[in-house]
Amino acid sequence: MTTNEKVAALQRLMEERGIDTYFVPSADAHQSEYVATYWRARAYISGFTGSAGTFAATKDKAAVWVDGRYFLQGETQTKGTVVELMKIAEPGVPTLEDWILANTPEGGVVGVDGRQIGYAQALKMKEKFAEKHLKLSVAQDLVGEIWEDRPSLPKDKIFEFDAALSGETRVERIERVRAHLAKVNADYYLVAALESSAWLLNYRGNDIHCTPVAYAFTLVGKDTCDFFIDEKKVSAEFRETLEKDGVTVRPYDALPEVLKTLPASTLACDLRLVNQLLYESIPADWKIHKETVDLVAMMKAVKTPAEQENFRKAHVKDGAVMVRFIKWVKDAVKNGETLDEVDVAMHLDQMRCDQENSLGISFDTISGYGENGAIIHYKPEKGTCATLKPEGFLLVDSGAQYLEGTTDITRTIALGPLTDEMKTAYTLVLKGHLALGNACFKEGITGTNLDVLARKPLWDHHLDYKHGTGHGVGFVLSVHEGPQNISFGLNQIPLKPGMVISDEPGYYPTGKFGVRIENLVMVVEDETNEWAKFDRLEPITLCPYEPEAIDLSLMTQEEIDLLNAYHARVRREVEPLLEGDEELVAFLRDQTRPL
């Protein structure tokens, strides 16, 4: 069916069920950012395939809300359909809630698959809808009823993650949760986020593309730990190991029934991560201790010393991959080989998959040449993607999952002559990138406080970018991890030593080119004196910047010194992995030559 046919089928079903407005989020039953194909109902019904967005329909209207990363993609994928594109936070664009309120009749019914909406969002909507006496119905998966070839839930087995890599055993981590239960006077802690269960119990899975997790819940009690997962995913050997560590494996969908068998208790959890249907299954006589931030998310955000060490190892390995890749693509284009954006992405993906201890890529590689580089989360496709030429910029945003750690790097590569506008843009982005990536700050500072460092060089020229500056990165988990970030949006989570976060300012003039430069940085302790304890950011990504794109006249001597010091470090740490290839070593030395 076409998008228009799917929307029409949904609207007919809404009419039959007495639903006036129906909306489809992007989440799964755990409020994940990335989801298994089974959960991609919003992409199916709307035609918009970006990782984030929400679709809504009334009996005669349809719309999809997307953020600034996806404005251009959204325009392309909704063009010619009945789906109206709503650009979040743009002037005159209503929020999803306001649109529903305006287009639903008094006393009407608003429907959603309750597995895909968190309790906190549902509560907010109920409060908003009260002014028109709208009812929120969460029991029906209407898109699922018209999605005839919907994929099944994943079935791959999970595997044990070596405690030597993580630096802690599952028993130690469970005891940390129990210490928190005692502190807040609660009986159980519900772990709903997929990454949190995987981190807590030291396992990894294959349920979500690029993110090594499995669909599961964990319920930690004062002397129990129940692990809710499709039991076929757990080998007999691993199950025995878990049970020796006090972890009981139960069926994935058994959590509501297990809660009913327990005496009335106090349950601690982050309700933002608990879906509405699950929330409604919690016995009425239970008390809920509402966590402001998921405990396990906060625990795993601060990497253990072992995780920190392995993160660094992963980035040396990945830096060598990137140097090989950059030389390959520059040489290929210079020599007249015909390459398109998909060829480039596939080649880089394969290079990473060929590495020792590789678990694959950490997200779909973004490879945007020329004007496609201005599409922030561009996904090239054969037949429509651009062919590379020996001129201009190629923007490549990519990453890997290794047993040693997760990587995420963006480099904007010069394939030939550049315009003055391109060089200016690259240099302004680089200035902000260096300022943030080498920031020193007082203990307790949040990412919100630091965001201006990355944007100021652009702001000075009345320029900006429409995405956050930095996101947390998990340890062999999701490439996007909270609760910390770096953004102009208010974030109250302090940056703490051991956190890993991205530093990725950019600039994207529509229809021209795109520039983004991204390193992962680690928060490390700096100095304590009479004024305060100070921390700083230290780059752990190791890959040259693009010397041909830098306008030194726009840089201060301090910035040039930072750039040269970073390049000297890249040479020192990455070159040993390139020994035996004289041309590659020479290329690295040239790319990192003092400026």
Protein backbone atom coordinates (compact mmCIF):
# COMPACT_ATOMS: atom_id res chain seq x y z
CA MET A 1 0.00 0.00 0.00
CA THR A 2 1.04 3.60 -0.56
CA THR A 3 1.24 6.02 2.35
CA ASN A 4 -2.11 7.51 1.37
CA GLU A 5 -3.72 4.05 1.26
CA LYS A 6 -2.30 3.17 4.68
CA VAL A 7 -3.60 6.40 6.20
CA ALA A 8 -7.03 5.82 4.65
CA ALA A 9 -7.12 2.25 6.05
CA LEU A 10 -6.23 3.59 9.50
CA GLN A 11 -8.94 6.23 9.30
CA ARG A 12 -11.55 3.61 8.38
CA LEU A 13 -10.49 1.52 11.38
CA MET A 14 -10.67 4.59 13.63
CA GLU A 15 -14.24 5.15 12.43
CA GLU A 16 -15.18 1.55 13.24
CA ARG A 17 -13.68 1.72 16.74
CA GLY A 18 -15.06 5.12 17.66
CA ILE A 19 -11.63 6.78 17.84
CA ASP A 20 -11.55 10.42 16.78
CA THR A 21 -7.76 10.92 16.78
CA TYR A 22 -5.00 8.34 16.74
CA PHE A 23 -1.29 8.98 17.16
CA VAL A 24 1.78 6.78 16.68
CA PRO A 25 5.03 7.46 18.57
CA SER A 26 8.45 6.12 17.57
CA ALA A 27 9.14 4.20 20.77
CA ASP A 28 8.87 0.55 21.75
CA ALA A 29 7.56 -0.86 25.04
CA HIS A 30 10.70 0.42 26.80
CA GLN A 31 10.68 3.98 25.41
CA SER A 32 13.85 3.26 23.44
CA GLU A 33 15.25 5.71 20.91
CA TYR A 34 16.19 2.98 18.43
CA VAL A 35 13.72 0.13 18.06
CA ALA A 36 13.39 -3.27 16.43
CA THR A 37 11.58 -3.35 13.08
CA TYR A 38 8.48 -4.75 14.78
CA TRP A 39 8.00 -1.40 16.52
CA ARG A 40 8.46 0.90 13.50
CA ALA A 41 4.76 1.58 13.15
CA ARG A 42 5.25 5.34 12.76
CA ALA A 43 7.59 4.83 9.80
CA TYR A 44 5.16 2.32 8.27
CA ILE A 45 2.10 4.55 8.47
CA SER A 46 3.68 7.93 7.69
CA GLY A 47 6.40 7.11 5.15
CA PHE A 48 8.88 9.15 7.21
CA THR A 49 11.70 6.80 8.22
CA GLY A 50 13.85 8.97 10.52
CA SER A 51 14.62 7.61 13.97
CA ALA A 52 12.45 10.15 15.81
CA GLY A 53 9.01 11.60 15.14
CA THR A 54 5.30 11.18 15.88
CA PHE A 55 2.41 10.61 13.48
CA ALA A 56 -1.19 11.60 14.17
CA ALA A 57 -4.45 11.32 12.24
CA THR A 58 -8.03 12.43 12.58
CA LYS A 59 -10.81 11.24 10.31
CA ASP A 60 -9.80 13.74 7.63
CA LYS A 61 -6.25 14.89 8.48
CA ALA A 62 -2.79 13.39 8.99
CA ALA A 63 0.52 14.86 10.10
CA VAL A 64 3.97 13.86 11.30
CA TRP A 65 6.15 15.85 13.73
CA VAL A 66 9.93 15.88 13.17
CA ASP A 67 12.78 17.78 14.81
CA GLY A 68 15.46 19.91 13.14
CA ARG A 69 17.65 16.92 12.23
CA TYR A 70 14.95 15.65 9.87
CA PHE A 71 13.37 18.72 8.30
CA LEU A 72 14.78 18.05 4.82
CA GLN A 73 14.27 14.29 5.01
CA GLY A 74 10.73 14.80 6.23
CA GLU A 75 9.94 17.15 3.34
CA THR A 76 11.22 14.61 0.83
CA GLN A 77 9.41 11.60 2.30
CA THR A 78 6.03 13.27 2.85
CA LYS A 79 5.92 15.14 -0.45
CA GLY A 80 2.87 14.18 -2.51
CA THR A 81 1.12 12.44 0.38
CA VAL A 82 -1.75 13.42 2.66
CA VAL A 83 0.70 13.60 5.57
CA GLU A 84 1.44 17.19 6.58
CA LEU A 85 4.98 17.82 7.84
CA MET A 86 5.17 19.54 11.23
CA LYS A 87 8.59 21.05 11.94
CA ILE A 88 8.96 21.00 15.71
CA ALA A 89 9.70 24.38 17.37
CA GLU A 90 9.35 26.34 14.13
CA PRO A 91 7.16 29.49 14.22
CA GLY A 92 3.47 28.73 13.83
CA VAL A 93 3.87 24.97 14.16
CA PRO A 94 1.58 23.52 16.85
CA THR A 95 2.79 20.86 19.24
CA LEU A 96 1.36 17.38 18.89
CA GLU A 97 -0.81 17.92 21.97
CA ASP A 98 -2.13 21.29 20.74
CA TRP A 99 -2.89 19.84 17.30
CA ILE A 100 -4.81 16.94 18.85
CA LEU A 101 -6.69 19.32 21.13
CA ALA A 102 -7.64 21.59 18.22
CA ASN A 103 -8.72 18.78 15.90
CA THR A 104 -10.56 16.43 18.25
CA PRO A 105 -14.22 17.13 19.10
CA GLU A 106 -15.36 17.86 22.66
CA GLY A 107 -15.48 14.62 24.64
CA GLY A 108 -13.73 12.70 21.87
CA VAL A 109 -11.46 9.67 22.09
CA VAL A 110 -7.71 9.84 21.44
CA GLY A 111 -6.12 6.46 20.75
CA VAL A 112 -2.55 5.14 20.98
CA ASP A 113 -0.82 1.79 21.44
CA GLY A 114 -0.20 2.03 25.18
CA ARG A 115 3.03 0.06 24.90
CA GLN A 116 4.54 2.90 22.88
CA ILE A 117 3.80 5.77 25.23
CA GLY A 118 5.39 6.28 28.60
CA TYR A 119 3.41 6.92 31.77
CA ALA A 120 4.81 10.44 32.14
CA GLN A 121 3.81 11.44 28.61
CA ALA A 122 0.36 9.88 29.02
CA LEU A 123 -0.18 11.79 32.25
CA LYS A 124 0.83 15.05 30.60
CA MET A 125 -1.58 14.40 27.76
CA LYS A 126 -4.46 13.54 30.08
CA GLU A 127 -3.95 16.80 31.93
CA LYS A 128 -3.82 18.73 28.66
CA PHE A 129 -6.87 16.98 27.20
CA ALA A 130 -9.00 17.57 30.30
CA GLU A 131 -10.03 21.01 29.07
CA LYS A 132 -12.03 19.35 26.26
CA HIS A 133 -12.89 16.22 28.24
CA LEU A 134 -10.95 14.01 25.82
CA LYS A 135 -10.42 10.36 26.74
CA LEU A 136 -7.01 8.73 26.17
CA SER A 137 -7.49 5.11 25.07
CA VAL A 138 -4.30 3.00 25.22
CA ALA A 139 -5.53 -0.53 24.56
CA GLN A 140 -5.53 -0.69 20.76
CA ASP A 141 -2.69 -1.17 18.27
CA LEU A 142 -4.55 -0.02 15.15
CA VAL A 143 -1.50 0.24 12.89
CA GLY A 144 -0.65 -3.35 13.79
CA GLU A 145 -4.05 -4.45 12.52
CA ILE A 146 -3.44 -3.07 9.03
CA TRP A 147 0.28 -3.95 8.87
CA GLU A 148 -0.05 -7.32 7.16
CA ASP A 149 3.66 -8.15 6.81
CA ARG A 150 4.74 -6.78 10.17
CA PRO A 151 8.09 -8.30 11.29
CA SER A 152 8.08 -10.50 14.38
CA LEU A 153 9.85 -9.61 17.62
CA PRO A 154 13.56 -10.59 17.54
CA LYS A 155 14.59 -14.10 18.59
CA ASP A 156 18.42 -13.98 18.76
CA LYS A 157 20.10 -15.27 21.92
CA ILE A 158 21.84 -12.96 24.36
CA PHE A 159 25.46 -13.52 25.40
CA GLU A 160 27.38 -12.91 28.61
CA PHE A 161 29.50 -9.77 28.65
CA ASP A 162 32.85 -10.35 30.34
CA ALA A 163 33.08 -8.61 33.71
CA ALA A 164 36.76 -8.05 33.00
CA LEU A 165 35.72 -5.62 30.26
CA SER A 166 33.08 -3.85 32.36
CA GLY A 167 35.06 -3.80 35.58
CA GLU A 168 32.18 -5.02 37.75
CA THR A 169 30.25 -8.24 38.19
CA ARG A 170 26.47 -8.35 37.94
CA VAL A 171 26.34 -9.22 41.63
CA GLU A 172 28.24 -6.02 42.49
CA ARG A 173 25.93 -3.95 40.31
CA ILE A 174 22.78 -5.50 41.76
CA GLU A 175 24.09 -4.72 45.25
CA ARG A 176 24.52 -1.08 44.22
CA VAL A 177 20.84 -1.02 43.27
CA ARG A 178 19.89 -2.62 46.59
CA ALA A 179 21.87 0.03 48.44
CA HIS A 180 19.74 2.62 46.65
CA LEU A 181 16.55 0.78 47.64
CA ALA A 182 17.59 1.01 51.27
CA LYS A 183 18.38 4.69 50.87
CA VAL A 184 14.95 5.57 49.43
CA ASN A 185 13.08 3.04 51.59
CA ALA A 186 11.71 1.03 48.65
CA ASP A 187 11.27 -2.72 48.23
CA TYR A 188 11.81 -3.14 44.49
CA TYR A 189 13.50 -1.31 41.63
CA LEU A 190 12.03 -1.72 38.15
CA VAL A 191 14.56 -1.46 35.33
CA ALA A 192 12.66 -0.74 32.11
CA ALA A 193 15.33 0.62 29.74
CA LEU A 194 16.91 -2.06 27.58
CA GLU A 195 20.43 -0.67 27.93
CA SER A 196 20.07 -0.56 31.70
CA SER A 197 19.13 -4.24 32.01
CA ALA A 198 22.00 -5.23 29.71
CA TRP A 199 24.50 -3.14 31.69
CA LEU A 200 23.20 -4.22 35.10
CA LEU A 201 23.27 -7.96 34.36
CA ASN A 202 26.39 -7.93 32.15
CA TYR A 203 24.93 -9.31 28.94
CA ARG A 204 24.48 -8.07 25.41
CA GLY A 205 21.99 -8.99 22.69
CA ASN A 206 21.05 -8.45 19.07
CA ASP A 207 17.43 -7.29 19.14
CA ILE A 208 18.00 -3.77 17.80
CA HIS A 209 20.06 -2.91 14.75
CA CYS A 210 23.40 -1.41 15.83
CA THR A 211 22.50 -1.49 19.54
CA PRO A 212 23.51 -4.74 21.31
CA VAL A 213 20.54 -5.11 23.67
CA ALA A 214 17.57 -7.45 24.10
CA TYR A 215 13.93 -6.83 24.99
CA ALA A 216 13.76 -7.38 28.74
CA PHE A 217 12.76 -5.95 32.11
CA THR A 218 14.58 -6.45 35.41
CA LEU A 219 12.98 -6.27 38.83
CA VAL A 220 15.50 -5.96 41.67
CA GLY A 221 14.26 -6.69 45.18
CA LYS A 222 16.01 -6.58 48.55
CA ASP A 223 16.98 -10.23 48.16
CA THR A 224 15.67 -11.16 44.70
CA CYS A 225 16.38 -10.26 41.09
CA ASP A 226 13.89 -11.26 38.38
CA PHE A 227 14.90 -11.05 34.72
CA PHE A 228 11.95 -10.92 32.29
CA ILE A 229 12.97 -11.97 28.78
CA ASP A 230 11.94 -14.40 26.05
CA GLU A 231 13.38 -17.53 27.71
CA LYS A 232 14.46 -18.98 24.36
CA LYS A 233 17.02 -16.16 24.13
CA VAL A 234 18.90 -17.46 27.20
CA SER A 235 21.07 -20.53 26.75
CA ALA A 236 20.94 -23.22 29.41
CA GLU A 237 24.54 -22.47 30.34
CA PHE A 238 23.99 -18.72 30.73
CA ARG A 239 20.75 -19.30 32.62
CA GLU A 240 22.63 -21.47 35.10
CA THR A 241 25.24 -18.73 35.53
CA LEU A 242 22.56 -16.12 36.12
CA GLU A 243 20.79 -18.26 38.68
CA LYS A 244 24.06 -18.86 40.55
CA ASP A 245 24.32 -15.07 40.80
CA GLY A 246 20.79 -14.84 42.23
CA VAL A 247 19.03 -13.84 38.99
CA THR A 248 15.79 -15.68 38.15
CA VAL A 249 14.85 -15.86 34.46
CA ARG A 250 11.13 -15.41 33.76
CA PRO A 251 9.01 -15.00 30.60
CA TYR A 252 9.13 -11.54 29.01
CA ASP A 253 5.42 -10.83 29.46
CA ALA A 254 5.18 -12.23 33.00
CA LEU A 255 6.00 -9.01 34.89
CA PRO A 256 2.37 -7.89 35.51
CA GLU A 257 1.43 -11.30 36.91
CA VAL A 258 4.54 -11.49 39.09
CA LEU A 259 3.73 -8.09 40.59
CA LYS A 260 0.27 -9.38 41.53
CA THR A 261 1.78 -12.29 43.48
CA LEU A 262 3.95 -10.04 45.64
CA PRO A 263 2.76 -8.39 48.86
CA ALA A 264 1.94 -4.69 48.67
CA SER A 265 5.27 -2.90 48.39
CA THR A 266 7.01 0.29 47.35
CA LEU A 267 8.29 0.23 43.78
CA ALA A 268 11.04 2.64 42.72
CA CYS A 269 11.39 3.44 39.02
CA ASP A 270 11.74 6.18 36.44
CA LEU A 271 8.15 6.43 35.19
CA ARG A 272 9.29 8.12 32.00
CA LEU A 273 10.60 4.71 30.93
CA VAL A 274 7.54 2.69 32.00
CA ASN A 275 4.93 2.32 29.28
CA GLN A 276 1.34 3.20 30.11
CA LEU A 277 -0.03 -0.34 29.75
CA LEU A 278 2.61 -1.67 32.14
CA TYR A 279 1.91 1.16 34.58
CA GLU A 280 -1.78 0.26 34.63
CA SER A 281 -0.82 -3.32 35.57
CA ILE A 282 0.93 -2.25 38.79
CA PRO A 283 -1.34 -3.27 41.69
CA ALA A 284 -3.37 -0.37 43.05
CA ASP A 285 -2.17 -0.96 46.62
CA TRP A 286 1.50 -0.51 45.69
CA LYS A 287 3.28 2.77 46.40
CA ILE A 288 5.53 4.19 43.70
CA HIS A 289 8.73 6.07 44.47
CA LYS A 290 9.20 8.23 41.39
CA GLU A 291 12.85 8.55 40.42
CA THR A 292 13.79 11.82 38.72
CA VAL A 293 16.49 9.99 36.76
CA ASP A 294 16.74 6.25 36.13
CA LEU A 295 19.20 4.96 38.73
CA VAL A 296 20.90 2.45 36.43
CA ALA A 297 21.16 5.01 33.61
CA MET A 298 23.04 7.28 36.00
CA MET A 299 25.25 4.42 37.19
CA LYS A 300 26.25 3.35 33.68
CA ALA A 301 26.81 6.94 32.52
CA VAL A 302 29.85 7.15 34.80
CA LYS A 303 32.20 4.58 33.30
CA THR A 304 34.22 2.31 35.54
CA PRO A 305 38.03 2.55 35.29
CA ALA A 306 37.99 -0.64 33.19
CA GLU A 307 35.34 0.79 30.85
CA GLN A 308 37.34 4.00 30.50
CA GLU A 309 40.50 2.10 29.61
CA ASN A 310 38.68 -0.05 27.07
CA PHE A 311 36.94 2.99 25.56
CA ARG A 312 40.36 4.46 24.84
CA LYS A 313 41.56 1.23 23.25
CA ALA A 314 38.50 1.14 21.00
CA HIS A 315 39.17 4.65 19.76
CA VAL A 316 42.79 3.97 18.87
CA LYS A 317 41.62 0.99 16.81
CA ASP A 318 38.83 3.00 15.23
CA GLY A 319 41.17 5.90 14.52
CA ALA A 320 43.33 3.60 12.40
CA VAL A 321 40.23 2.47 10.50
CA MET A 322 39.25 6.09 9.83
CA VAL A 323 42.73 7.04 8.57
CA ARG A 324 42.67 4.11 6.16
CA PHE A 325 39.19 5.08 5.04
CA ILE A 326 39.93 8.76 4.49
CA LYS A 327 43.01 7.95 2.40
CA TRP A 328 41.05 5.37 0.41
CA VAL A 329 38.19 7.71 -0.47
CA LYS A 330 40.48 10.63 -1.33
CA ASP A 331 42.65 8.44 -3.58
CA ALA A 332 39.68 6.76 -5.25
CA VAL A 333 38.01 10.03 -6.19
CA LYS A 334 41.30 11.60 -7.29
CA ASN A 335 41.99 8.59 -9.52
CA GLY A 336 38.62 8.86 -11.24
CA GLU A 337 36.89 5.85 -9.68
CA THR A 338 33.09 6.01 -9.74
CA LEU A 339 31.83 5.98 -6.17
CA ASP A 340 28.50 7.04 -4.75
CA GLU A 341 27.50 7.76 -1.14
CA VAL A 342 26.29 4.20 -0.54
CA ASP A 343 29.57 2.73 -1.85
CA VAL A 344 31.46 4.89 0.63
CA ALA A 345 29.25 3.93 3.58
CA MET A 346 29.40 0.21 2.77
CA HIS A 347 33.17 0.28 2.43
CA LEU A 348 33.62 1.95 5.82
CA ASP A 349 31.10 -0.39 7.47
CA GLN A 350 32.97 -3.41 6.15
CA MET A 351 36.30 -2.05 7.36
CA ARG A 352 34.88 -1.86 10.87
CA CYS A 353 33.24 -5.27 10.73
CA ASP A 354 36.60 -6.76 9.74
CA GLN A 355 38.26 -5.55 12.96
CA GLU A 356 39.03 -7.91 15.82
CA ASN A 357 36.27 -7.96 18.48
CA SER A 358 33.87 -6.11 16.18
CA LEU A 359 30.13 -6.31 16.87
CA GLY A 360 29.33 -4.23 13.79
CA ILE A 361 28.43 -0.58 13.42
CA SER A 362 26.87 1.60 16.13
CA PHE A 363 24.37 3.33 13.81
CA ASP A 364 23.66 3.54 10.10
CA THR A 365 26.52 5.44 8.49
CA ILE A 366 25.66 8.91 7.26
CA SER A 367 27.52 9.63 4.04
CA GLY A 368 26.46 12.93 2.48
CA TYR A 369 28.25 14.50 -0.46
CA GLY A 370 27.74 18.10 -1.51
CA GLU A 371 24.26 19.40 -0.78
CA ASN A 372 23.27 16.10 0.81
CA GLY A 373 25.70 16.89 3.60
CA ALA A 374 23.28 19.63 4.65
CA ILE A 375 20.67 16.98 5.53
CA ILE A 376 21.63 16.40 9.15
CA HIS A 377 20.55 12.75 9.43
CA TYR A 378 20.81 11.85 5.77
CA LYS A 379 20.58 8.20 4.73
CA PRO A 380 21.88 7.53 1.21
CA GLU A 381 20.04 5.02 -0.95
CA LYS A 382 21.14 3.38 -4.17
CA GLY A 383 19.57 4.91 -7.25
CA THR A 384 18.95 8.31 -5.68
CA CYS A 385 22.19 9.08 -3.85
CA ALA A 386 24.94 11.37 -5.14
CA THR A 387 28.09 10.34 -7.00
CA LEU A 388 31.30 11.73 -5.57
CA LYS A 389 33.35 14.26 -7.51
CA PRO A 390 36.93 15.53 -6.98
CA GLU A 391 35.68 18.73 -5.36
CA GLY A 392 33.81 19.92 -2.30
CA PHE A 393 32.94 18.18 0.95
CA LEU A 394 31.96 14.63 1.87
CA LEU A 395 30.43 14.46 5.38
CA VAL A 396 30.72 11.04 7.02
CA ASP A 397 29.15 10.39 10.44
CA SER A 398 29.76 6.82 11.56
CA GLY A 399 30.67 4.55 14.44
CA ALA A 400 31.39 1.02 15.58
CA GLN A 401 30.58 -1.43 18.33
CA TYR A 402 33.67 -3.25 19.57
CA LEU A 403 33.93 -5.40 22.69
CA GLU A 404 36.28 -2.67 23.92
CA GLY A 405 33.78 0.14 23.45
CA THR A 406 31.44 2.15 21.25
CA THR A 407 32.65 4.81 18.81
CA ASP A 408 30.95 7.73 17.08
CA ILE A 409 32.91 10.09 14.84
CA THR A 410 32.15 12.65 12.15
CA ARG A 411 34.69 13.97 9.71
CA THR A 412 34.06 16.39 6.86
CA ILE A 413 36.47 15.37 4.11
CA ALA A 414 37.78 17.58 1.28
CA LEU A 415 37.64 15.64 -2.00
CA GLY A 416 39.16 18.47 -4.02
CA PRO A 417 39.05 22.26 -4.34
CA LEU A 418 36.92 24.12 -1.79
CA THR A 419 35.24 27.50 -1.95
CA ASP A 420 36.11 30.25 0.51
CA GLU A 421 32.62 29.81 2.00
CA MET A 422 33.35 26.14 2.67
CA LYS A 423 36.68 26.90 4.33
CA THR A 424 35.15 29.61 6.50
CA ALA A 425 32.34 27.30 7.57
CA TYR A 426 34.72 24.45 8.36
CA THR A 427 37.01 26.69 10.38
CA LEU A 428 34.20 28.23 12.44
CA VAL A 429 32.88 24.76 13.27
CA LEU A 430 36.39 23.61 14.15
CA LYS A 431 36.91 26.59 16.47
CA GLY A 432 33.78 25.70 18.43
CA HIS A 433 34.70 22.02 18.42
CA LEU A 434 38.14 22.74 19.88
CA ALA A 435 36.79 25.14 22.48
CA LEU A 436 34.31 22.60 23.80
CA GLY A 437 36.57 19.57 23.47
CA ASN A 438 39.23 21.17 25.64
CA ALA A 439 36.93 22.86 28.16
CA CYS A 440 37.90 23.13 31.81
CA PHE A 441 35.04 23.70 34.24
CA LYS A 442 34.03 23.74 37.87
CA GLU A 443 32.59 20.57 39.38
CA GLY A 444 28.80 20.45 39.07
CA ILE A 445 28.59 22.15 35.68
CA THR A 446 26.07 20.70 33.22
CA GLY A 447 26.20 20.34 29.46
CA THR A 448 23.80 23.25 29.15
CA ASN A 449 26.47 25.52 30.65
CA LEU A 450 29.03 24.44 28.04
CA ASP A 451 26.93 24.49 24.87
CA VAL A 452 27.76 28.11 24.08
CA LEU A 453 31.46 27.24 23.71
CA ALA A 454 30.70 25.26 20.57
CA ARG A 455 28.23 27.73 19.11
CA LYS A 456 29.91 31.08 19.78
CA PRO A 457 32.22 31.13 16.71
CA LEU A 458 29.16 30.53 14.54
CA TRP A 459 26.98 32.97 16.48
CA ASP A 460 29.64 35.65 15.98
CA HIS A 461 28.86 35.31 12.25
CA HIS A 462 25.08 35.05 12.83
CA LEU A 463 25.09 31.33 12.04
CA ASP A 464 23.89 28.28 13.99
CA TYR A 465 22.87 24.60 13.74
CA LYS A 466 19.60 22.87 14.61
CA HIS A 467 20.72 19.96 16.75
CA GLY A 468 22.24 19.35 20.15
CA THR A 469 25.99 19.66 20.53
CA GLY A 470 26.63 16.48 22.47
CA HIS A 471 25.05 13.23 23.64
CA GLY A 472 26.24 10.58 26.05
CA VAL A 473 27.58 7.32 24.63
CA GLY A 474 27.09 3.90 26.21
CA PHE A 475 29.75 1.27 26.79
CA VAL A 476 29.01 -1.31 24.08
CA LEU A 477 25.39 -0.18 24.30
CA SER A 478 23.47 2.66 22.69
CA VAL A 479 25.47 5.26 20.81
CA HIS A 480 23.01 7.79 22.26
CA GLU A 481 22.89 7.65 26.04
CA GLY A 482 21.58 9.90 28.79
CA PRO A 483 20.99 11.40 31.15
CA GLN A 484 23.75 13.92 30.37
CA ASN A 485 24.01 15.91 27.17
CA ILE A 486 25.37 19.16 25.78
CA SER A 487 22.60 21.35 24.40
CA PHE A 488 20.99 24.76 24.78
CA GLY A 489 17.97 22.89 26.17
CA LEU A 490 18.00 22.80 29.97
CA ASN A 491 19.76 19.74 31.38
CA GLN A 492 20.30 19.52 35.14
CA ILE A 493 22.63 16.48 35.16
CA PRO A 494 26.18 17.48 36.18
CA LEU A 495 29.04 16.25 34.05
CA LYS A 496 31.03 13.79 36.18
CA PRO A 497 34.47 12.21 35.69
CA GLY A 498 34.05 8.99 33.73
CA MET A 499 31.21 10.23 31.54
CA VAL A 500 31.68 9.99 27.77
CA ILE A 501 29.92 12.53 25.59
CA SER A 502 30.10 13.75 22.00
CA ASP A 503 31.39 17.13 20.82
CA GLU A 504 29.78 17.76 17.43
CA PRO A 505 28.98 21.29 16.27
CA GLY A 506 28.06 21.76 12.62
CA TYR A 507 26.80 24.09 9.92
CA TYR A 508 24.41 23.17 7.10
CA PRO A 509 23.52 25.77 4.45
CA THR A 510 20.56 24.22 2.63
CA GLY A 511 21.28 23.16 -0.93
CA LYS A 512 25.04 23.79 -0.64
CA PHE A 513 27.05 21.55 1.69
CA GLY A 514 27.30 20.34 5.26
CA VAL A 515 30.05 20.57 7.86
CA ARG A 516 30.12 18.57 11.09
CA ILE A 517 33.15 17.65 13.20
CA GLU A 518 32.63 15.13 15.99
CA ASN A 519 34.87 13.62 18.63
CA LEU A 520 33.90 11.70 21.71
CA VAL A 521 35.29 13.30 24.84
CA MET A 522 35.66 11.96 28.37
CA VAL A 523 35.14 13.95 31.55
CA VAL A 524 38.34 13.67 33.62
CA GLU A 525 39.48 15.20 36.88
CA ASP A 526 41.69 18.24 36.49
CA GLU A 527 42.63 20.21 39.62
CA THR A 528 41.36 20.96 43.08
CA ASN A 529 42.33 24.24 44.73
CA GLU A 530 40.99 26.81 47.17
CA TRP A 531 38.31 27.84 44.69
CA ALA A 532 36.80 24.52 43.71
CA LYS A 533 37.33 21.11 42.21
CA PHE A 534 37.78 21.40 38.45
CA ASP A 535 37.19 18.85 35.72
CA ARG A 536 37.91 19.00 32.01
CA LEU A 537 36.99 17.31 28.75
CA GLU A 538 39.57 15.14 27.02
CA PRO A 539 39.12 13.92 23.43
CA ILE A 540 39.28 10.14 23.10
CA THR A 541 38.50 10.03 19.36
CA LEU A 542 41.76 9.94 17.42
CA CYS A 543 41.54 10.98 13.78
CA PRO A 544 42.96 13.93 11.81
CA TYR A 545 40.89 16.96 10.97
CA GLU A 546 40.89 18.25 7.37
CA PRO A 547 43.94 20.55 6.97
CA GLU A 548 42.90 21.60 3.45
CA ALA A 549 39.68 23.10 4.83
CA ILE A 550 41.20 25.25 7.58
CA ASP A 551 41.54 29.01 7.18
CA LEU A 552 44.29 29.80 9.68
CA SER A 553 43.56 33.52 9.44
CA LEU A 554 40.34 32.89 11.37
CA MET A 555 42.08 31.00 14.18
CA THR A 556 43.91 32.28 17.24
CA GLN A 557 47.36 31.02 18.15
CA GLU A 558 45.84 29.17 21.12
CA GLU A 559 43.46 27.33 18.78
CA ILE A 560 46.31 26.45 16.41
CA ASP A 561 48.31 25.11 19.36
CA LEU A 562 45.36 22.95 20.46
CA LEU A 563 44.96 21.63 16.92
CA ASN A 564 48.66 20.80 16.58
CA ALA A 565 48.77 19.12 20.00
CA TYR A 566 45.79 16.96 19.09
CA HIS A 567 47.32 15.98 15.75
CA ALA A 568 50.61 15.09 17.47
CA ARG A 569 48.66 12.79 19.79
CA VAL A 570 46.84 11.18 16.85
CA ARG A 571 50.20 10.50 15.19
CA ARG A 572 51.69 9.09 18.39
CA GLU A 573 48.81 6.72 19.20
CA VAL A 574 47.48 5.67 15.79
CA GLU A 575 50.66 5.38 13.72
CA PRO A 576 51.82 2.13 15.43
CA LEU A 577 48.67 0.42 14.08
CA LEU A 578 49.61 1.49 10.53
CA GLU A 579 53.19 0.21 10.56
CA GLY A 580 54.11 -1.76 7.47
CA ASP A 581 52.16 0.52 5.14
CA GLU A 582 54.55 3.32 4.26
CA GLU A 583 52.04 5.20 2.10
CA LEU A 584 49.46 5.17 4.88
CA VAL A 585 51.97 6.36 7.47
CA ALA A 586 53.07 9.15 5.12
CA PHE A 587 49.42 10.14 4.62
CA LEU A 588 48.80 10.27 8.37
CA ARG A 589 51.90 12.40 8.90
CA ASP A 590 50.83 14.80 6.17
CA GLN A 591 47.27 15.10 7.52
CA THR A 592 48.64 15.82 11.00
CA ARG A 593 51.50 18.11 9.98
CA PRO A 594 51.95 21.15 12.24
CA LEU A 595 50.02 24.16 10.98
